[in-house]
Amino acid sequence: MLKNYNLYSQDILYLKADINYTEFYLKDGKKLVSSSTLKHHEADERLRDFLRVSKSYMVNLQYIGQYCAHQKDVRIYLTNGYEIKVARRRCVEIKKNLKDINVPRVNFERT
C-alpha cells in the first residue's frame, strides 16, 4: 500500500482515485495520498475486503452502514455519514454483494 506507513485495512474507510494518485481516507479523519493508481491498489491482496463501486472509489465493506437503491441509482452510506454513488454498470453486482453481507437497505428519498 503506502511505503512509509504501517496501515491496516481496518483503518481505511475508502479509497478515492485522483488521476494517477489514490487518496486513502482513514477512520481517524486523516487523508493519505499514494502515487499509485486505484487499479494498482485494487489488485493488492491486503485490500481484498474492499469493494470497487465505481471508476473512482473502493469502499471498505466493514464501514458500509446502509445503502439505498432505486432502479439504476444506488448509493452507499458509510458509517461516518459519507455518501458514495455506485456506477450504473456495477449496480446489479454491488446490490447482490451488499445483500450477501446483510447491509441494510433504506428507502430511496426523492429530493
N, C-alpha and C. Protein backbone atom coordinates (compact mmCIF):
# COMPACT_ATOMS: atom_id res chain seq x y z
N MET A 1 0.83 -1.18 0.00
CA MET A 1 0.00 0.00 0.00
C MET A 1 0.88 1.25 0.00
N LEU A 2 1.10 1.82 1.16
CA LEU A 2 1.93 3.01 1.25
C LEU A 2 3.25 2.63 1.89
N LYS A 3 4.34 3.04 1.27
CA LYS A 3 5.66 2.61 1.70
C LYS A 3 6.04 3.04 3.11
N ASN A 4 5.81 4.27 3.45
CA ASN A 4 6.29 4.81 4.73
C ASN A 4 5.26 4.74 5.85
N TYR A 5 4.14 4.06 5.62
CA TYR A 5 3.08 3.98 6.63
C TYR A 5 2.75 2.54 6.93
N ASN A 6 2.51 2.28 8.18
CA ASN A 6 2.10 0.95 8.60
C ASN A 6 0.59 0.97 8.78
N LEU A 7 -0.14 0.75 7.68
CA LEU A 7 -1.60 0.82 7.69
C LEU A 7 -2.19 -0.57 7.72
N TYR A 8 -3.33 -0.67 8.37
CA TYR A 8 -4.12 -1.89 8.35
C TYR A 8 -5.41 -1.59 7.60
N SER A 9 -5.94 -2.59 6.92
CA SER A 9 -7.14 -2.36 6.12
C SER A 9 -8.31 -1.87 6.97
N GLN A 10 -8.37 -2.28 8.24
CA GLN A 10 -9.48 -1.83 9.09
C GLN A 10 -9.38 -0.35 9.47
N ASP A 11 -8.25 0.29 9.18
CA ASP A 11 -8.09 1.72 9.45
C ASP A 11 -8.56 2.58 8.28
N ILE A 12 -8.84 1.96 7.14
CA ILE A 12 -9.18 2.69 5.91
C ILE A 12 -10.68 2.62 5.67
N LEU A 13 -11.33 3.78 5.52
CA LEU A 13 -12.76 3.83 5.19
C LEU A 13 -12.97 3.56 3.70
N TYR A 14 -12.28 4.34 2.87
CA TYR A 14 -12.40 4.17 1.42
C TYR A 14 -11.19 4.75 0.72
N LEU A 15 -11.06 4.39 -0.56
CA LEU A 15 -10.01 4.91 -1.41
C LEU A 15 -10.67 5.67 -2.54
N LYS A 16 -10.07 6.79 -2.92
CA LYS A 16 -10.62 7.61 -3.99
C LYS A 16 -9.53 7.89 -5.01
N ALA A 17 -9.85 7.67 -6.28
CA ALA A 17 -8.89 7.93 -7.36
C ALA A 17 -8.81 9.42 -7.63
N ASP A 18 -7.60 9.86 -7.92
CA ASP A 18 -7.36 11.25 -8.31
C ASP A 18 -6.30 11.22 -9.41
N ILE A 19 -6.75 11.02 -10.64
CA ILE A 19 -5.92 10.85 -11.83
C ILE A 19 -4.96 9.67 -11.60
N ASN A 20 -3.67 9.88 -11.46
CA ASN A 20 -2.72 8.78 -11.24
C ASN A 20 -2.33 8.64 -9.78
N TYR A 21 -3.10 9.19 -8.90
CA TYR A 21 -2.88 9.09 -7.46
C TYR A 21 -4.09 8.43 -6.82
N THR A 22 -3.91 7.96 -5.61
CA THR A 22 -5.01 7.40 -4.83
C THR A 22 -5.00 8.05 -3.46
N GLU A 23 -6.16 8.52 -3.05
CA GLU A 23 -6.31 9.11 -1.73
C GLU A 23 -6.91 8.07 -0.80
N PHE A 24 -6.26 7.85 0.34
CA PHE A 24 -6.74 6.93 1.36
C PHE A 24 -7.41 7.77 2.44
N TYR A 25 -8.68 7.50 2.70
CA TYR A 25 -9.41 8.20 3.76
C TYR A 25 -9.50 7.27 4.95
N LEU A 26 -8.95 7.71 6.06
CA LEU A 26 -8.84 6.87 7.25
C LEU A 26 -9.95 7.14 8.24
N LYS A 27 -10.22 6.18 9.12
CA LYS A 27 -11.31 6.32 10.09
C LYS A 27 -11.04 7.40 11.13
N ASP A 28 -9.77 7.78 11.31
CA ASP A 28 -9.47 8.85 12.26
C ASP A 28 -9.56 10.24 11.63
N GLY A 29 -10.04 10.31 10.37
CA GLY A 29 -10.25 11.59 9.70
C GLY A 29 -9.09 12.04 8.84
N LYS A 30 -7.98 11.34 8.88
CA LYS A 30 -6.81 11.73 8.09
C LYS A 30 -6.95 11.26 6.65
N LYS A 31 -6.17 11.90 5.77
CA LYS A 31 -6.13 11.53 4.37
C LYS A 31 -4.67 11.35 3.97
N LEU A 32 -4.37 10.22 3.34
CA LEU A 32 -3.02 9.97 2.84
C LEU A 32 -3.10 9.81 1.33
N VAL A 33 -2.03 10.17 0.64
CA VAL A 33 -2.00 10.09 -0.81
C VAL A 33 -0.92 9.12 -1.26
N SER A 34 -1.29 8.25 -2.18
CA SER A 34 -0.36 7.29 -2.77
C SER A 34 -0.13 7.67 -4.23
N SER A 35 1.07 7.44 -4.72
CA SER A 35 1.38 7.78 -6.11
C SER A 35 1.03 6.64 -7.07
N SER A 36 0.28 5.66 -6.61
CA SER A 36 -0.18 4.56 -7.46
C SER A 36 -1.64 4.76 -7.81
N THR A 37 -2.06 4.12 -8.88
CA THR A 37 -3.46 4.24 -9.31
C THR A 37 -4.37 3.38 -8.45
N LEU A 38 -5.65 3.64 -8.54
CA LEU A 38 -6.63 2.84 -7.81
C LEU A 38 -6.62 1.40 -8.31
N LYS A 39 -6.41 1.21 -9.59
CA LYS A 39 -6.35 -0.13 -10.17
C LYS A 39 -5.19 -0.93 -9.55
N HIS A 40 -4.08 -0.27 -9.31
CA HIS A 40 -2.94 -0.92 -8.67
C HIS A 40 -3.33 -1.39 -7.26
N HIS A 41 -4.00 -0.55 -6.51
CA HIS A 41 -4.40 -0.90 -5.15
C HIS A 41 -5.50 -1.96 -5.14
N GLU A 42 -6.33 -1.96 -6.17
CA GLU A 42 -7.40 -2.95 -6.26
C GLU A 42 -6.81 -4.37 -6.35
N ALA A 43 -5.66 -4.50 -6.94
CA ALA A 43 -5.00 -5.80 -7.09
C ALA A 43 -4.26 -6.24 -5.82
N ASP A 44 -4.14 -5.35 -4.85
CA ASP A 44 -3.42 -5.65 -3.62
C ASP A 44 -4.23 -6.62 -2.75
N GLU A 45 -3.63 -7.73 -2.41
CA GLU A 45 -4.30 -8.77 -1.62
C GLU A 45 -4.74 -8.26 -0.24
N ARG A 46 -4.03 -7.31 0.31
CA ARG A 46 -4.38 -6.78 1.63
C ARG A 46 -5.69 -6.00 1.61
N LEU A 47 -6.16 -5.61 0.42
CA LEU A 47 -7.41 -4.86 0.30
C LEU A 47 -8.53 -5.73 -0.27
N ARG A 48 -8.49 -7.01 0.02
CA ARG A 48 -9.50 -7.94 -0.53
C ARG A 48 -10.89 -7.71 0.07
N ASP A 49 -10.96 -7.03 1.22
CA ASP A 49 -12.26 -6.74 1.84
C ASP A 49 -12.84 -5.41 1.38
N PHE A 50 -12.33 -4.90 0.27
CA PHE A 50 -12.83 -3.65 -0.30
C PHE A 50 -13.62 -3.96 -1.55
N LEU A 51 -14.58 -3.11 -1.83
CA LEU A 51 -15.48 -3.28 -2.96
C LEU A 51 -15.31 -2.11 -3.91
N ARG A 52 -15.01 -2.40 -5.16
CA ARG A 52 -14.88 -1.34 -6.18
C ARG A 52 -16.28 -0.98 -6.64
N VAL A 53 -16.73 0.23 -6.32
CA VAL A 53 -18.10 0.63 -6.61
C VAL A 53 -18.22 1.55 -7.82
N SER A 54 -17.09 2.11 -8.24
CA SER A 54 -17.10 2.97 -9.43
C SER A 54 -15.67 3.13 -9.91
N LYS A 55 -15.52 3.91 -10.96
CA LYS A 55 -14.20 4.19 -11.51
C LYS A 55 -13.31 4.89 -10.49
N SER A 56 -13.91 5.62 -9.58
CA SER A 56 -13.15 6.46 -8.66
C SER A 56 -13.11 5.99 -7.21
N TYR A 57 -13.90 4.98 -6.84
CA TYR A 57 -14.00 4.62 -5.42
C TYR A 57 -13.87 3.12 -5.16
N MET A 58 -13.18 2.81 -4.07
CA MET A 58 -13.17 1.49 -3.45
C MET A 58 -13.56 1.69 -2.00
N VAL A 59 -14.49 0.88 -1.51
CA VAL A 59 -15.05 1.07 -0.18
C VAL A 59 -14.74 -0.15 0.69
N ASN A 60 -14.39 0.11 1.93
CA ASN A 60 -14.17 -0.96 2.89
C ASN A 60 -15.53 -1.50 3.32
N LEU A 61 -15.76 -2.80 3.09
CA LEU A 61 -17.05 -3.41 3.43
C LEU A 61 -17.40 -3.26 4.91
N GLN A 62 -16.40 -3.19 5.74
CA GLN A 62 -16.58 -3.08 7.18
C GLN A 62 -17.27 -1.77 7.57
N TYR A 63 -17.15 -0.73 6.75
CA TYR A 63 -17.68 0.58 7.10
C TYR A 63 -18.90 0.99 6.29
N ILE A 64 -19.51 0.05 5.59
CA ILE A 64 -20.75 0.36 4.89
C ILE A 64 -21.88 0.23 5.89
N GLY A 65 -22.58 1.34 6.12
CA GLY A 65 -23.66 1.35 7.10
C GLY A 65 -24.98 0.90 6.50
N GLN A 66 -25.30 1.43 5.31
CA GLN A 66 -26.54 1.10 4.62
C GLN A 66 -26.44 1.53 3.17
N TYR A 67 -27.44 1.16 2.40
CA TYR A 67 -27.48 1.61 1.01
C TYR A 67 -28.93 1.83 0.61
N CYS A 68 -29.12 2.61 -0.43
CA CYS A 68 -30.45 2.76 -0.99
C CYS A 68 -30.36 2.55 -2.49
N ALA A 69 -31.42 1.98 -3.04
CA ALA A 69 -31.42 1.65 -4.46
C ALA A 69 -32.78 1.96 -5.06
N HIS A 70 -32.76 2.58 -6.20
CA HIS A 70 -33.96 2.86 -6.97
C HIS A 70 -33.59 2.69 -8.43
N GLN A 71 -33.99 1.59 -9.03
CA GLN A 71 -33.64 1.23 -10.39
C GLN A 71 -32.12 1.23 -10.55
N LYS A 72 -31.57 2.11 -11.37
CA LYS A 72 -30.12 2.12 -11.61
C LYS A 72 -29.39 3.16 -10.76
N ASP A 73 -30.07 3.70 -9.75
CA ASP A 73 -29.44 4.66 -8.85
C ASP A 73 -29.22 3.99 -7.50
N VAL A 74 -27.96 3.64 -7.22
CA VAL A 74 -27.61 3.00 -5.96
C VAL A 74 -26.61 3.91 -5.26
N ARG A 75 -26.85 4.14 -3.98
CA ARG A 75 -25.95 4.96 -3.17
C ARG A 75 -25.60 4.20 -1.90
N ILE A 76 -24.32 4.28 -1.55
CA ILE A 76 -23.81 3.62 -0.34
C ILE A 76 -23.54 4.70 0.70
N TYR A 77 -23.97 4.43 1.93
CA TYR A 77 -23.72 5.36 3.03
C TYR A 77 -22.77 4.69 4.01
N LEU A 78 -21.64 5.33 4.23
CA LEU A 78 -20.66 4.80 5.15
C LEU A 78 -21.05 5.13 6.58
N THR A 79 -20.43 4.46 7.52
CA THR A 79 -20.76 4.68 8.93
C THR A 79 -20.42 6.08 9.41
N ASN A 80 -19.53 6.78 8.69
CA ASN A 80 -19.19 8.16 9.07
C ASN A 80 -20.13 9.18 8.41
N GLY A 81 -21.13 8.70 7.65
CA GLY A 81 -22.10 9.59 7.02
C GLY A 81 -21.79 9.95 5.58
N TYR A 82 -20.64 9.54 5.06
CA TYR A 82 -20.26 9.87 3.70
C TYR A 82 -21.10 9.06 2.71
N GLU A 83 -21.53 9.69 1.63
CA GLU A 83 -22.35 9.04 0.61
C GLU A 83 -21.54 8.85 -0.67
N ILE A 84 -21.62 7.63 -1.24
CA ILE A 84 -20.91 7.32 -2.48
C ILE A 84 -21.90 6.75 -3.47
N LYS A 85 -21.92 7.33 -4.66
CA LYS A 85 -22.81 6.86 -5.73
C LYS A 85 -22.14 5.71 -6.46
N VAL A 86 -22.89 4.63 -6.67
CA VAL A 86 -22.38 3.45 -7.36
C VAL A 86 -22.55 3.66 -8.86
N ALA A 87 -21.55 3.22 -9.63
CA ALA A 87 -21.62 3.33 -11.08
C ALA A 87 -22.78 2.48 -11.62
N ARG A 88 -23.48 2.98 -12.64
CA ARG A 88 -24.63 2.26 -13.21
C ARG A 88 -24.28 0.85 -13.65
N ARG A 89 -23.12 0.69 -14.25
CA ARG A 89 -22.72 -0.63 -14.75
C ARG A 89 -22.41 -1.62 -13.64
N ARG A 90 -22.21 -1.14 -12.44
CA ARG A 90 -21.89 -2.02 -11.31
C ARG A 90 -23.07 -2.22 -10.36
N CYS A 91 -24.20 -1.61 -10.64
CA CYS A 91 -25.34 -1.62 -9.71
C CYS A 91 -25.80 -3.03 -9.35
N VAL A 92 -26.01 -3.88 -10.33
CA VAL A 92 -26.53 -5.22 -10.06
C VAL A 92 -25.56 -6.02 -9.20
N GLU A 93 -24.30 -5.98 -9.56
CA GLU A 93 -23.28 -6.71 -8.81
C GLU A 93 -23.15 -6.18 -7.38
N ILE A 94 -23.15 -4.87 -7.23
CA ILE A 94 -22.99 -4.26 -5.91
C ILE A 94 -24.19 -4.58 -5.02
N LYS A 95 -25.41 -4.47 -5.56
CA LYS A 95 -26.60 -4.79 -4.77
C LYS A 95 -26.56 -6.24 -4.29
N LYS A 96 -26.13 -7.15 -5.15
CA LYS A 96 -26.02 -8.56 -4.77
C LYS A 96 -25.00 -8.74 -3.65
N ASN A 97 -23.84 -8.11 -3.79
CA ASN A 97 -22.81 -8.21 -2.76
C ASN A 97 -23.29 -7.64 -1.42
N LEU A 98 -23.99 -6.53 -1.46
CA LEU A 98 -24.48 -5.92 -0.23
C LEU A 98 -25.55 -6.78 0.44
N LYS A 99 -26.41 -7.41 -0.36
CA LYS A 99 -27.41 -8.32 0.22
C LYS A 99 -26.73 -9.52 0.85
N ASP A 100 -25.69 -10.03 0.19
CA ASP A 100 -24.98 -11.21 0.70
C ASP A 100 -24.33 -10.96 2.06
N ILE A 101 -23.90 -9.73 2.31
CA ILE A 101 -23.26 -9.43 3.60
C ILE A 101 -24.23 -8.74 4.56
N ASN A 102 -25.52 -8.76 4.21
CA ASN A 102 -26.60 -8.25 5.08
C ASN A 102 -26.48 -6.78 5.44
N VAL A 103 -26.15 -5.95 4.46
CA VAL A 103 -26.15 -4.50 4.67
C VAL A 103 -27.59 -4.02 4.56
N PRO A 104 -28.08 -3.25 5.52
CA PRO A 104 -29.48 -2.79 5.46
C PRO A 104 -29.74 -1.85 4.29
N ARG A 105 -30.90 -2.05 3.68
CA ARG A 105 -31.33 -1.21 2.58
C ARG A 105 -32.37 -0.24 3.11
N VAL A 106 -32.24 1.04 2.74
CA VAL A 106 -33.21 2.05 3.14
C VAL A 106 -33.98 2.51 1.91
N ASN A 107 -35.13 3.12 2.14
CA ASN A 107 -35.95 3.61 1.04
C ASN A 107 -35.30 4.79 0.37
N PHE A 108 -35.46 4.87 -0.93
CA PHE A 108 -34.90 5.96 -1.73
C PHE A 108 -35.73 7.21 -1.49
N GLU A 109 -35.06 8.30 -1.18
CA GLU A 109 -35.76 9.57 -0.95
C GLU A 109 -35.56 10.48 -2.15
N ARG A 110 -36.64 10.91 -2.72
CA ARG A 110 -36.56 11.84 -3.85
C ARG A 110 -36.53 13.26 -3.33
N THR A 111 -35.57 14.04 -3.87
CA THR A 111 -35.45 15.43 -3.43
C THR A 111 -35.62 16.37 -4.60
